Amino acid sequence: MAHQTATPTFLATPRRGRVVVAKLVTYAVAGLGYAAACTVVLLAVALPWFAAKHVDIVLSGTDLARTLGGVGIEVALYAVLGVAVGRLMRNQIAVIVGSSCTSSSLARS
């Protein structure tokens, strides 16, 4: 079942390149926001848990900042990849199954 949600967008802005670039930027920013929210939840849960287990965590080092920044970039890149794959393939089910199979086979190797 086609939802035809892109039709009004392409009618209003017939230049597909601009629409795709806008989607890429929007999803990258949304990916960064999602990564930031996940990081806040992770730290809110993990820090008290580690404190209860008497594990000392150093939050001032550059390793933590580098790791969290890398997570943000990774999620943003996966969001952009999702837009790109969605642009290339029209069947949403095929994209989900193909992506799952690809990530499963890459995890095994």
PDB file of N, CA and C in Angstrom:
ATOM      1  N   MET A   1       0.842  -1.175   0.000  1.00  0.00           N
ATOM      2  CA  MET A   1       0.000   0.000   0.000  1.00  0.00           C
ATOM      3  C   MET A   1       0.884   1.235   0.000  1.00  0.00           C
ATOM      4  N   ALA A   2       0.726   2.070  -0.972  1.00  0.00           N
ATOM      5  CA  ALA A   2       1.518   3.288  -1.087  1.00  0.00           C
ATOM      6  C   ALA A   2       0.803   4.426  -0.365  1.00  0.00           C
ATOM      7  N   HIS A   3       1.560   5.157   0.430  1.00  0.00           N
ATOM      8  CA  HIS A   3       0.970   6.252   1.192  1.00  0.00           C
ATOM      9  C   HIS A   3       0.981   7.557   0.418  1.00  0.00           C
ATOM     10  N   GLN A   4       1.827   7.651  -0.591  1.00  0.00           N
ATOM     11  CA  GLN A   4       1.919   8.853  -1.430  1.00  0.00           C
ATOM     12  C   GLN A   4       2.241  10.105  -0.617  1.00  0.00           C
ATOM     13  N   THR A   5       3.086   9.973   0.389  1.00  0.00           N
ATOM     14  CA  THR A   5       3.429  11.134   1.206  1.00  0.00           C
ATOM     15  C   THR A   5       4.445  12.043   0.523  1.00  0.00           C
ATOM     16  N   ALA A   6       5.209  11.521  -0.406  1.00  0.00           N
ATOM     17  CA  ALA A   6       6.208  12.347  -1.084  1.00  0.00           C
ATOM     18  C   ALA A   6       5.616  13.148  -2.230  1.00  0.00           C
ATOM     19  N   THR A   7       4.465  12.749  -2.725  1.00  0.00           N
ATOM     20  CA  THR A   7       3.865  13.415  -3.888  1.00  0.00           C
ATOM     21  C   THR A   7       3.630  14.898  -3.650  1.00  0.00           C
ATOM     22  N   PRO A   8       2.987  15.317  -2.556  1.00  0.00           N
ATOM     23  CA  PRO A   8       2.797  16.758  -2.354  1.00  0.00           C
ATOM     24  C   PRO A   8       4.110  17.523  -2.230  1.00  0.00           C
ATOM     25  N   THR A   9       5.110  16.887  -1.631  1.00  0.00           N
ATOM     26  CA  THR A   9       6.415  17.541  -1.489  1.00  0.00           C
ATOM     27  C   THR A   9       7.036  17.797  -2.848  1.00  0.00           C
ATOM     28  N   PHE A  10       7.011  16.793  -3.717  1.00  0.00           N
ATOM     29  CA  PHE A  10       7.628  16.952  -5.030  1.00  0.00           C
ATOM     30  C   PHE A  10       6.804  17.849  -5.937  1.00  0.00           C
ATOM     31  N   LEU A  11       5.520  17.967  -5.697  1.00  0.00           N
ATOM     32  CA  LEU A  11       4.704  18.910  -6.458  1.00  0.00           C
ATOM     33  C   LEU A  11       5.007  20.343  -6.038  1.00  0.00           C
ATOM     34  N   ALA A  12       5.227  20.546  -4.742  1.00  0.00           N
ATOM     35  CA  ALA A  12       5.539  21.888  -4.247  1.00  0.00           C
ATOM     36  C   ALA A  12       6.971  22.284  -4.581  1.00  0.00           C
ATOM     37  N   THR A  13       7.883  21.327  -4.533  1.00  0.00           N
ATOM     38  CA  THR A  13       9.293  21.573  -4.847  1.00  0.00           C
ATOM     39  C   THR A  13       9.730  20.543  -5.879  1.00  0.00           C
ATOM     40  N   PRO A  14       9.626  20.890  -7.170  1.00  0.00           N
ATOM     41  CA  PRO A  14       9.911  19.889  -8.197  1.00  0.00           C
ATOM     42  C   PRO A  14      11.384  19.473  -8.305  1.00  0.00           C
ATOM     43  N   ARG A  15      12.274  20.185  -7.657  1.00  0.00           N
ATOM     44  CA  ARG A  15      13.694  19.817  -7.708  1.00  0.00           C
ATOM     45  C   ARG A  15      13.963  18.738  -6.665  1.00  0.00           C
ATOM     46  N   ARG A  16      14.079  17.514  -7.115  1.00  0.00           N
ATOM     47  CA  ARG A  16      14.241  16.386  -6.204  1.00  0.00           C
ATOM     48  C   ARG A  16      15.539  16.457  -5.410  1.00  0.00           C
ATOM     49  N   GLY A  17      16.558  16.991  -6.004  1.00  0.00           N
ATOM     50  CA  GLY A  17      17.840  17.100  -5.307  1.00  0.00           C
ATOM     51  C   GLY A  17      17.734  17.907  -4.028  1.00  0.00           C
ATOM     52  N   ARG A  18      17.012  19.015  -4.079  1.00  0.00           N
ATOM     53  CA  ARG A  18      16.841  19.847  -2.882  1.00  0.00           C
ATOM     54  C   ARG A  18      16.069  19.102  -1.800  1.00  0.00           C
ATOM     55  N   VAL A  19      15.055  18.381  -2.217  1.00  0.00           N
ATOM     56  CA  VAL A  19      14.251  17.634  -1.250  1.00  0.00           C
ATOM     57  C   VAL A  19      15.087  16.551  -0.581  1.00  0.00           C
ATOM     58  N   VAL A  20      15.872  15.845  -1.363  1.00  0.00           N
ATOM     59  CA  VAL A  20      16.703  14.769  -0.806  1.00  0.00           C
ATOM     60  C   VAL A  20      17.768  15.346   0.121  1.00  0.00           C
ATOM     61  N   VAL A  21      18.400  16.448  -0.261  1.00  0.00           N
ATOM     62  CA  VAL A  21      19.405  17.079   0.603  1.00  0.00           C
ATOM     63  C   VAL A  21      18.759  17.564   1.897  1.00  0.00           C
ATOM     64  N   ALA A  22      17.562  18.140   1.793  1.00  0.00           N
ATOM     65  CA  ALA A  22      16.858  18.588   3.001  1.00  0.00           C
ATOM     66  C   ALA A  22      16.542  17.403   3.916  1.00  0.00           C
ATOM     67  N   LYS A  23      16.141  16.279   3.325  1.00  0.00           N
ATOM     68  CA  LYS A  23      15.877  15.088   4.134  1.00  0.00           C
ATOM     69  C   LYS A  23      17.152  14.580   4.784  1.00  0.00           C
ATOM     70  N   LEU A  24      18.256  14.572   4.056  1.00  0.00           N
ATOM     71  CA  LEU A  24      19.524  14.113   4.612  1.00  0.00           C
ATOM     72  C   LEU A  24      19.948  14.964   5.808  1.00  0.00           C
ATOM     73  N   VAL A  25      19.855  16.276   5.651  1.00  0.00           N
ATOM     74  CA  VAL A  25      20.242  17.178   6.737  1.00  0.00           C
ATOM     75  C   VAL A  25      19.302  17.017   7.926  1.00  0.00           C
ATOM     76  N   THR A  26      17.997  16.952   7.645  1.00  0.00           N
ATOM     77  CA  THR A  26      17.010  16.823   8.720  1.00  0.00           C
ATOM     78  C   THR A  26      17.205  15.533   9.507  1.00  0.00           C
ATOM     79  N   TYR A  27      17.408  14.445   8.809  1.00  0.00           N
ATOM     80  CA  TYR A  27      17.586  13.167   9.503  1.00  0.00           C
ATOM     81  C   TYR A  27      18.926  13.096  10.224  1.00  0.00           C
ATOM     82  N   ALA A  28      19.950  13.741   9.700  1.00  0.00           N
ATOM     83  CA  ALA A  28      21.234  13.772  10.411  1.00  0.00           C
ATOM     84  C   ALA A  28      21.100  14.542  11.720  1.00  0.00           C
ATOM     85  N   VAL A  29      20.409  15.676  11.680  1.00  0.00           N
ATOM     86  CA  VAL A  29      20.193  16.461  12.899  1.00  0.00           C
ATOM     87  C   VAL A  29      19.309  15.684  13.880  1.00  0.00           C
ATOM     88  N   ALA A  30      18.272  15.017  13.356  1.00  0.00           N
ATOM     89  CA  ALA A  30      17.415  14.201  14.225  1.00  0.00           C
ATOM     90  C   ALA A  30      18.215  13.046  14.833  1.00  0.00           C
ATOM     91  N   GLY A  31      19.119  12.472  14.066  1.00  0.00           N
ATOM     92  CA  GLY A  31      19.978  11.402  14.587  1.00  0.00           C
ATOM     93  C   GLY A  31      20.877  11.896  15.712  1.00  0.00           C
ATOM     94  N   LEU A  32      21.414  13.101  15.552  1.00  0.00           N
ATOM     95  CA  LEU A  32      22.236  13.671  16.624  1.00  0.00           C
ATOM     96  C   LEU A  32      21.398  13.920  17.880  1.00  0.00           C
ATOM     97  N   GLY A  33      20.179  14.412  17.697  1.00  0.00           N
ATOM     98  CA  GLY A  33      19.288  14.627  18.837  1.00  0.00           C
ATOM     99  C   GLY A  33      18.931  13.326  19.529  1.00  0.00           C
ATOM    100  N   TYR A  34      18.654  12.305  18.729  1.00  0.00           N
ATOM    101  CA  TYR A  34      18.334  10.989  19.283  1.00  0.00           C
ATOM    102  C   TYR A  34      19.525  10.429  20.059  1.00  0.00           C
ATOM    103  N   ALA A  35      20.717  10.580  19.504  1.00  0.00           N
ATOM    104  CA  ALA A  35      21.918  10.092  20.190  1.00  0.00           C
ATOM    105  C   ALA A  35      22.135  10.854  21.497  1.00  0.00           C
ATOM    106  N   ALA A  36      21.881  12.145  21.495  1.00  0.00           N
ATOM    107  CA  ALA A  36      22.040  12.935  22.719  1.00  0.00           C
ATOM    108  C   ALA A  36      21.031  12.481  23.781  1.00  0.00           C
ATOM    109  N   ALA A  37      19.790  12.244  23.375  1.00  0.00           N
ATOM    110  CA  ALA A  37      18.767  11.787  24.321  1.00  0.00           C
ATOM    111  C   ALA A  37      19.134  10.410  24.890  1.00  0.00           C
ATOM    112  N   CYS A  38      19.587   9.519  24.028  1.00  0.00           N
ATOM    113  CA  CYS A  38      19.989   8.186  24.485  1.00  0.00           C
ATOM    114  C   CYS A  38      21.174   8.262  25.439  1.00  0.00           C
ATOM    115  N   THR A  39      22.103   9.165  25.166  1.00  0.00           N
ATOM    116  CA  THR A  39      23.273   9.326  26.023  1.00  0.00           C
ATOM    117  C   THR A  39      22.871   9.839  27.402  1.00  0.00           C
ATOM    118  N   VAL A  40      21.941  10.788  27.436  1.00  0.00           N
ATOM    119  CA  VAL A  40      21.472  11.320  28.717  1.00  0.00           C
ATOM    120  C   VAL A  40      20.801  10.218  29.535  1.00  0.00           C
ATOM    121  N   VAL A  41      19.952   9.420  28.887  1.00  0.00           N
ATOM    122  CA  VAL A  41      19.283   8.320  29.591  1.00  0.00           C
ATOM    123  C   VAL A  41      20.316   7.300  30.067  1.00  0.00           C
ATOM    124  N   LEU A  42      21.267   6.975  29.207  1.00  0.00           N
ATOM    125  CA  LEU A  42      22.311   6.025  29.583  1.00  0.00           C
ATOM    126  C   LEU A  42      23.081   6.497  30.809  1.00  0.00           C
ATOM    127  N   LEU A  43      23.496   7.748  30.803  1.00  0.00           N
ATOM    128  CA  LEU A  43      24.256   8.260  31.943  1.00  0.00           C
ATOM    129  C   LEU A  43      23.387   8.354  33.193  1.00  0.00           C
ATOM    130  N   ALA A  44      22.107   8.705  33.020  1.00  0.00           N
ATOM    131  CA  ALA A  44      21.207   8.796  34.170  1.00  0.00           C
ATOM    132  C   ALA A  44      20.985   7.440  34.825  1.00  0.00           C
ATOM    133  N   VAL A  45      21.050   6.382  34.056  1.00  0.00           N
ATOM    134  CA  VAL A  45      20.875   5.036  34.611  1.00  0.00           C
ATOM    135  C   VAL A  45      22.212   4.456  35.065  1.00  0.00           C
ATOM    136  N   ALA A  46      23.247   4.619  34.268  1.00  0.00           N
ATOM    137  CA  ALA A  46      24.523   3.948  34.535  1.00  0.00           C
ATOM    138  C   ALA A  46      25.289   4.557  35.711  1.00  0.00           C
ATOM    139  N   LEU A  47      25.285   5.877  35.822  1.00  0.00           N
ATOM    140  CA  LEU A  47      26.087   6.492  36.889  1.00  0.00           C
ATOM    141  C   LEU A  47      25.616   6.093  38.288  1.00  0.00           C
ATOM    142  N   PRO A  48      24.313   6.150  38.591  1.00  0.00           N
ATOM    143  CA  PRO A  48      23.896   5.675  39.922  1.00  0.00           C
ATOM    144  C   PRO A  48      24.149   4.174  40.125  1.00  0.00           C
ATOM    145  N   TRP A  49      23.994   3.408  39.062  1.00  0.00           N
ATOM    146  CA  TRP A  49      24.214   1.972  39.168  1.00  0.00           C
ATOM    147  C   TRP A  49      25.683   1.675  39.493  1.00  0.00           C
ATOM    148  N   PHE A  50      26.576   2.358  38.765  1.00  0.00           N
ATOM    149  CA  PHE A  50      28.000   2.176  39.061  1.00  0.00           C
ATOM    150  C   PHE A  50      28.345   2.666  40.458  1.00  0.00           C
ATOM    151  N   ALA A  51      27.738   3.767  40.883  1.00  0.00           N
ATOM    152  CA  ALA A  51      27.993   4.286  42.235  1.00  0.00           C
ATOM    153  C   ALA A  51      27.532   3.284  43.286  1.00  0.00           C
ATOM    154  N   ALA A  52      26.410   2.616  43.049  1.00  0.00           N
ATOM    155  CA  ALA A  52      25.911   1.609  43.987  1.00  0.00           C
ATOM    156  C   ALA A  52      26.841   0.402  44.058  1.00  0.00           C
ATOM    157  N   LYS A  53      27.523   0.119  42.956  1.00  0.00           N
ATOM    158  CA  LYS A  53      28.471  -1.003  42.915  1.00  0.00           C
ATOM    159  C   LYS A  53      29.880  -0.583  43.342  1.00  0.00           C
ATOM    160  N   HIS A  54      30.032   0.686  43.747  1.00  0.00           N
ATOM    161  CA  HIS A  54      31.312   1.250  44.184  1.00  0.00           C
ATOM    162  C   HIS A  54      32.362   1.205  43.076  1.00  0.00           C
ATOM    163  N   VAL A  55      31.928   1.533  41.870  1.00  0.00           N
ATOM    164  CA  VAL A  55      32.836   1.617  40.726  1.00  0.00           C
ATOM    165  C   VAL A  55      33.068   3.096  40.438  1.00  0.00           C
ATOM    166  N   ASP A  56      34.334   3.497  40.419  1.00  0.00           N
ATOM    167  CA  ASP A  56      34.659   4.897  40.154  1.00  0.00           C
ATOM    168  C   ASP A  56      34.666   5.153  38.647  1.00  0.00           C
ATOM    169  N   ILE A  57      33.952   6.174  38.234  1.00  0.00           N
ATOM    170  CA  ILE A  57      33.880   6.569  36.827  1.00  0.00           C
ATOM    171  C   ILE A  57      34.466   7.969  36.700  1.00  0.00           C
ATOM    172  N   VAL A  58      35.373   8.147  35.754  1.00  0.00           N
ATOM    173  CA  VAL A  58      35.969   9.450  35.492  1.00  0.00           C
ATOM    174  C   VAL A  58      35.261  10.052  34.279  1.00  0.00           C
ATOM    175  N   LEU A  59      34.560  11.152  34.516  1.00  0.00           N
ATOM    176  CA  LEU A  59      33.817  11.792  33.428  1.00  0.00           C
ATOM    177  C   LEU A  59      34.574  12.956  32.803  1.00  0.00           C
ATOM    178  N   SER A  60      35.746  13.264  33.317  1.00  0.00           N
ATOM    179  CA  SER A  60      36.468  14.427  32.817  1.00  0.00           C
ATOM    180  C   SER A  60      37.479  14.099  31.727  1.00  0.00           C
ATOM    181  N   GLY A  61      37.683  12.843  31.436  1.00  0.00           N
ATOM    182  CA  GLY A  61      38.686  12.468  30.442  1.00  0.00           C
ATOM    183  C   GLY A  61      38.212  12.702  29.015  1.00  0.00           C
ATOM    184  N   THR A  62      39.148  12.705  28.102  1.00  0.00           N
ATOM    185  CA  THR A  62      38.801  12.903  26.694  1.00  0.00           C
ATOM    186  C   THR A  62      38.251  11.636  26.056  1.00  0.00           C
ATOM    187  N   ASP A  63      38.527  10.488  26.659  1.00  0.00           N
ATOM    188  CA  ASP A  63      38.023   9.235  26.084  1.00  0.00           C
ATOM    189  C   ASP A  63      36.509   9.186  26.089  1.00  0.00           C
ATOM    190  N   LEU A  64      35.882   9.620  27.175  1.00  0.00           N
ATOM    191  CA  LEU A  64      34.426   9.618  27.261  1.00  0.00           C
ATOM    192  C   LEU A  64      33.820  10.577  26.238  1.00  0.00           C
ATOM    193  N   ALA A  65      34.388  11.768  26.136  1.00  0.00           N
ATOM    194  CA  ALA A  65      33.879  12.752  25.172  1.00  0.00           C
ATOM    195  C   ALA A  65      34.028  12.231  23.745  1.00  0.00           C
ATOM    196  N   ARG A  66      35.164  11.599  23.465  1.00  0.00           N
ATOM    197  CA  ARG A  66      35.378  11.030  22.135  1.00  0.00           C
ATOM    198  C   ARG A  66      34.391   9.908  21.835  1.00  0.00           C
ATOM    199  N   THR A  67      34.147   9.074  22.815  1.00  0.00           N
ATOM    200  CA  THR A  67      33.211   7.965  22.627  1.00  0.00           C
ATOM    201  C   THR A  67      31.802   8.478  22.409  1.00  0.00           C
ATOM    202  N   LEU A  68      31.353   9.394  23.239  1.00  0.00           N
ATOM    203  CA  LEU A  68      29.997   9.938  23.095  1.00  0.00           C
ATOM    204  C   LEU A  68      29.848  10.718  21.800  1.00  0.00           C
ATOM    205  N   GLY A  69      30.872  11.451  21.410  1.00  0.00           N
ATOM    206  CA  GLY A  69      30.833  12.151  20.121  1.00  0.00           C
ATOM    207  C   GLY A  69      30.778  11.169  18.962  1.00  0.00           C
ATOM    208  N   GLY A  70      31.516  10.082  19.080  1.00  0.00           N
ATOM    209  CA  GLY A  70      31.487   9.051  18.045  1.00  0.00           C
ATOM    210  C   GLY A  70      30.131   8.391  17.934  1.00  0.00           C
ATOM    211  N   VAL A  71      29.475   8.183  19.069  1.00  0.00           N
ATOM    212  CA  VAL A  71      28.129   7.610  19.053  1.00  0.00           C
ATOM    213  C   VAL A  71      27.171   8.553  18.331  1.00  0.00           C
ATOM    214  N   GLY A  72      27.272   9.845  18.617  1.00  0.00           N
ATOM    215  CA  GLY A  72      26.417  10.825  17.937  1.00  0.00           C
ATOM    216  C   GLY A  72      26.629  10.837  16.440  1.00  0.00           C
ATOM    217  N   ILE A  73      27.872  10.805  16.026  1.00  0.00           N
ATOM    218  CA  ILE A  73      28.179  10.783  14.596  1.00  0.00           C
ATOM    219  C   ILE A  73      27.684   9.490  13.955  1.00  0.00           C
ATOM    220  N   GLU A  74      27.848   8.373  14.663  1.00  0.00           N
ATOM    221  CA  GLU A  74      27.402   7.093  14.122  1.00  0.00           C
ATOM    222  C   GLU A  74      25.894   7.064  13.910  1.00  0.00           C
ATOM    223  N   VAL A  75      25.137   7.535  14.878  1.00  0.00           N
ATOM    224  CA  VAL A  75      23.683   7.539  14.740  1.00  0.00           C
ATOM    225  C   VAL A  75      23.259   8.480  13.618  1.00  0.00           C
ATOM    226  N   ALA A  76      23.911   9.633  13.506  1.00  0.00           N
ATOM    227  CA  ALA A  76      23.590  10.562  12.416  1.00  0.00           C
ATOM    228  C   ALA A  76      23.894   9.937  11.054  1.00  0.00           C
ATOM    229  N   LEU A  77      25.002   9.227  10.950  1.00  0.00           N
ATOM    230  CA  LEU A  77      25.348   8.577   9.685  1.00  0.00           C
ATOM    231  C   LEU A  77      24.376   7.454   9.335  1.00  0.00           C
ATOM    232  N   TYR A  78      23.935   6.711  10.342  1.00  0.00           N
ATOM    233  CA  TYR A  78      22.938   5.668  10.075  1.00  0.00           C
ATOM    234  C   TYR A  78      21.609   6.277   9.635  1.00  0.00           C
ATOM    235  N   ALA A  79      21.256   7.437  10.171  1.00  0.00           N
ATOM    236  CA  ALA A  79      20.040   8.108   9.728  1.00  0.00           C
ATOM    237  C   ALA A  79      20.166   8.536   8.266  1.00  0.00           C
ATOM    238  N   VAL A  80      21.320   9.076   7.907  1.00  0.00           N
ATOM    239  CA  VAL A  80      21.568   9.469   6.515  1.00  0.00           C
ATOM    240  C   VAL A  80      21.566   8.235   5.615  1.00  0.00           C
ATOM    241  N   LEU A  81      22.154   7.141   6.077  1.00  0.00           N
ATOM    242  CA  LEU A  81      22.141   5.902   5.308  1.00  0.00           C
ATOM    243  C   LEU A  81      20.709   5.412   5.091  1.00  0.00           C
ATOM    244  N   GLY A  82      19.880   5.554   6.108  1.00  0.00           N
ATOM    245  CA  GLY A  82      18.477   5.165   5.976  1.00  0.00           C
ATOM    246  C   GLY A  82      17.756   5.974   4.916  1.00  0.00           C
ATOM    247  N   VAL A  83      18.029   7.275   4.857  1.00  0.00           N
ATOM    248  CA  VAL A  83      17.427   8.112   3.811  1.00  0.00           C
ATOM    249  C   VAL A  83      17.928   7.674   2.438  1.00  0.00           C
ATOM    250  N   ALA A  84      19.218   7.405   2.335  1.00  0.00           N
ATOM    251  CA  ALA A  84      19.791   7.009   1.048  1.00  0.00           C
ATOM    252  C   ALA A  84      19.225   5.680   0.562  1.00  0.00           C
ATOM    253  N   VAL A  85      19.138   4.700   1.451  1.00  0.00           N
ATOM    254  CA  VAL A  85      18.597   3.403   1.056  1.00  0.00           C
ATOM    255  C   VAL A  85      17.115   3.536   0.720  1.00  0.00           C
ATOM    256  N   GLY A  86      16.406   4.332   1.501  1.00  0.00           N
ATOM    257  CA  GLY A  86      14.989   4.561   1.214  1.00  0.00           C
ATOM    258  C   GLY A  86      14.770   5.259  -0.112  1.00  0.00           C
ATOM    259  N   ARG A  87      15.709   6.076  -0.495  1.00  0.00           N
ATOM    260  CA  ARG A  87      15.618   6.775  -1.792  1.00  0.00           C
ATOM    261  C   ARG A  87      15.875   5.807  -2.949  1.00  0.00           C
ATOM    262  N   LEU A  88      16.775   4.862  -2.735  1.00  0.00           N
ATOM    263  CA  LEU A  88      17.123   3.929  -3.801  1.00  0.00           C
ATOM    264  C   LEU A  88      16.090   2.818  -3.972  1.00  0.00           C
ATOM    265  N   MET A  89      15.527   2.373  -2.872  1.00  0.00           N
ATOM    266  CA  MET A  89      14.574   1.262  -2.939  1.00  0.00           C
ATOM    267  C   MET A  89      13.189   1.768  -2.547  1.00  0.00           C
ATOM    268  N   ARG A  90      12.199   1.393  -3.299  1.00  0.00           N
ATOM    269  CA  ARG A  90      10.842   1.882  -3.065  1.00  0.00           C
ATOM    270  C   ARG A  90      10.047   1.004  -2.109  1.00  0.00           C
ATOM    271  N   ASN A  91      10.410  -0.247  -1.965  1.00  0.00           N
ATOM    272  CA  ASN A  91       9.638  -1.174  -1.147  1.00  0.00           C
ATOM    273  C   ASN A  91      10.184  -1.171   0.280  1.00  0.00           C
ATOM    274  N   GLN A  92       9.388  -0.675   1.230  1.00  0.00           N
ATOM    275  CA  GLN A  92       9.838  -0.532   2.608  1.00  0.00           C
ATOM    276  C   GLN A  92      10.149  -1.881   3.248  1.00  0.00           C
ATOM    277  N   ILE A  93       9.358  -2.881   2.966  1.00  0.00           N
ATOM    278  CA  ILE A  93       9.602  -4.210   3.538  1.00  0.00           C
ATOM    279  C   ILE A  93      10.929  -4.763   3.036  1.00  0.00           C
ATOM    280  N   ALA A  94      11.201  -4.595   1.743  1.00  0.00           N
ATOM    281  CA  ALA A  94      12.467  -5.078   1.180  1.00  0.00           C
ATOM    282  C   ALA A  94      13.660  -4.381   1.823  1.00  0.00           C
ATOM    283  N   VAL A  95      13.528  -3.104   2.112  1.00  0.00           N
ATOM    284  CA  VAL A  95      14.612  -2.363   2.763  1.00  0.00           C
ATOM    285  C   VAL A  95      14.862  -2.900   4.165  1.00  0.00           C
ATOM    286  N   ILE A  96      13.790  -3.136   4.916  1.00  0.00           N
ATOM    287  CA  ILE A  96      13.945  -3.629   6.285  1.00  0.00           C
ATOM    288  C   ILE A  96      14.558  -5.030   6.295  1.00  0.00           C
ATOM    289  N   VAL A  97      14.044  -5.909   5.456  1.00  0.00           N
ATOM    290  CA  VAL A  97      14.573  -7.276   5.401  1.00  0.00           C
ATOM    291  C   VAL A  97      16.020  -7.271   4.908  1.00  0.00           C
ATOM    292  N   GLY A  98      16.288  -6.518   3.854  1.00  0.00           N
ATOM    293  CA  GLY A  98      17.657  -6.445   3.325  1.00  0.00           C
ATOM    294  C   GLY A  98      18.634  -5.880   4.327  1.00  0.00           C
ATOM    295  N   SER A  99      18.242  -4.827   5.043  1.00  0.00           N
ATOM    296  CA  SER A  99      19.116  -4.224   6.050  1.00  0.00           C
ATOM    297  C   SER A  99      19.361  -5.187   7.198  1.00  0.00           C
ATOM    298  N   SER A 100      18.316  -5.886   7.612  1.00  0.00           N
ATOM    299  CA  SER A 100      18.470  -6.855   8.712  1.00  0.00           C
ATOM    300  C   SER A 100      19.405  -7.986   8.316  1.00  0.00           C
ATOM    301  N   CYS A 101      19.232  -8.493   7.112  1.00  0.00           N
ATOM    302  CA  CYS A 101      20.100  -9.585   6.643  1.00  0.00           C
ATOM    303  C   CYS A 101      21.539  -9.120   6.509  1.00  0.00           C
ATOM    304  N   THR A 102      21.731  -7.907   6.007  1.00  0.00           N
ATOM    305  CA  THR A 102      23.077  -7.374   5.844  1.00  0.00           C
ATOM    306  C   THR A 102      23.755  -7.191   7.186  1.00  0.00           C
ATOM    307  N   SER A 103      23.050  -6.573   8.141  1.00  0.00           N
ATOM    308  CA  SER A 103      23.676  -6.359   9.441  1.00  0.00           C
ATOM    309  C   SER A 103      23.899  -7.671  10.168  1.00  0.00           C
ATOM    310  N   SER A 104      23.017  -8.640   9.974  1.00  0.00           N
ATOM    311  CA  SER A 104      23.201  -9.947  10.609  1.00  0.00           C
ATOM    312  C   SER A 104      24.416 -10.661  10.035  1.00  0.00           C
ATOM    313  N   SER A 105      24.582 -10.596   8.724  1.00  0.00           N
ATOM    314  CA  SER A 105      25.728 -11.272   8.112  1.00  0.00           C
ATOM    315  C   SER A 105      27.033 -10.566   8.445  1.00  0.00           C
ATOM    316  N   LEU A 106      26.998  -9.244   8.586  1.00  0.00           N
ATOM    317  CA  LEU A 106      28.214  -8.513   8.956  1.00  0.00           C
ATOM    318  C   LEU A 106      28.591  -8.778  10.413  1.00  0.00           C
ATOM    319  N   ALA A 107      27.592  -8.973  11.262  1.00  0.00           N
ATOM    320  CA  ALA A 107      27.883  -9.237  12.675  1.00  0.00           C
ATOM    321  C   ALA A 107      28.522 -10.599  12.860  1.00  0.00           C
ATOM    322  N   ARG A 108      28.214 -11.530  11.994  1.00  0.00           N
ATOM    323  CA  ARG A 108      28.766 -12.885  12.104  1.00  0.00           C
ATOM    324  C   ARG A 108      30.188 -12.976  11.608  1.00  0.00           C
ATOM    325  N   SER A 109      30.585 -12.064  10.732  1.00  0.00           N
ATOM    326  CA  SER A 109      31.928 -12.156  10.177  1.00  0.00           C
ATOM    327  C   SER A 109      32.946 -11.385  10.970  1.00  0.00           C
TER     328      SER A 109
END
